[in-house]
């Protein structure tokens, strides 16, 4: 007869707890132990809020076990009071303790909401170290692409893909936007997450207090390549940052202009790190204004037209050309070189920064049909015969 092997009960419990703790070994505690002052204050807020809530949760859990043990069926010495229904002292404890905790949480949340506002400039490098007036913040423009990250350094005149390098102990001003869908920019070691939206600009301020290699990623689902939409985030010294900028400028990846961007913006997954030795200074503003494609009217221009009351028939054609072309190909309204039947746009630009005597090329074309425009071709409710807006219009002379 073979005797079954068995462990002592206490040893079995220890092994079970150790087994349950194994998955926690792979957890990254960067959220509670970040490298930036803003993220550190956010971590302190999480810890303080948790401790405040535990002030009521732990006593309730302990009292639950105590009452279950004290008033068990086998305890004949427990007081039995079936007619007891009210206690002023107990009511005060039950309501006063949670109320005080809620007041503390509300005050803490209100204060930190304003102090940790992502639009609020950095006033301290870390606790006890205010920002010197001589230190200029590092400007970084962030563009969320499908499915990669583009970082533009306007002061240094360079750009990178899927790599963000910043010097420690220097405030960073992020301007954030997206090329197509809503996304979220998040570096746990630096600061909280901020959404990136097409046609809009959001901001984030942060500072890194120690060197090291960290990870940034997208915190908002954005399609098939979302899981690999990560980038390397490196904190370096000022000297190393200057050396890195020189290496990027001496690189062979070329310049990032509008034509290169239109290829970069096309969806791709698991993109390798890429550096651009120079960048078009007006590119980021064109991305936000949704007019990177040559000849496409910017949102600011059409809003300026609307603010003036519109431009009549010319405005109808120009609005039709604003249909969002996700990949910037222009196939929706640009004719072929041999097609002369399409009219040039009535207004090619309203807010263009032109030098005296300079005119825009006739490269902006009116759409072939107004049908895609919402409302075009709708019939007058009082007249069921003729559409209120014609699908075609006689050619007019273009106006610069």
Foldseek 3Di string as FASTA:
>chain_A
DDDDDDDPPVVVVVVVVVVVCVVVVPDDCCQLVFQWAQSVVVNVLVVVLVVLVCVPVVVVVVVVVVCCVCPPPVNPPDDDDPPDDDDPVVVCVVPVSVVVSVVVNVVSCVVVCVVSVFVDAAQARHVPGGDDPVADAFEWEWECAQQWIKIARLVLQKIKIQEAEDEASGKYKYKAAYLFAKWWKQFSNWHGIDIHYFLDIDMGMTGGHDWDKGKIAIPDDDDDQRVQSIGIYTYDHPVVVVVVSVDLLPDDLEEAALVNVLVVRPHDHPDDMDMYNGYDSCQSVCRSQLNSQPQQAGVVFLVVCVVVVHDPPLRLQNVLSNPRDSSNPSPQAFDDPPDPPWAQRQERTDPDDDDPPDDDDSRHTGHPWSVVPPPAQDCDPVDPPGGPHDGDDDHDDHDD
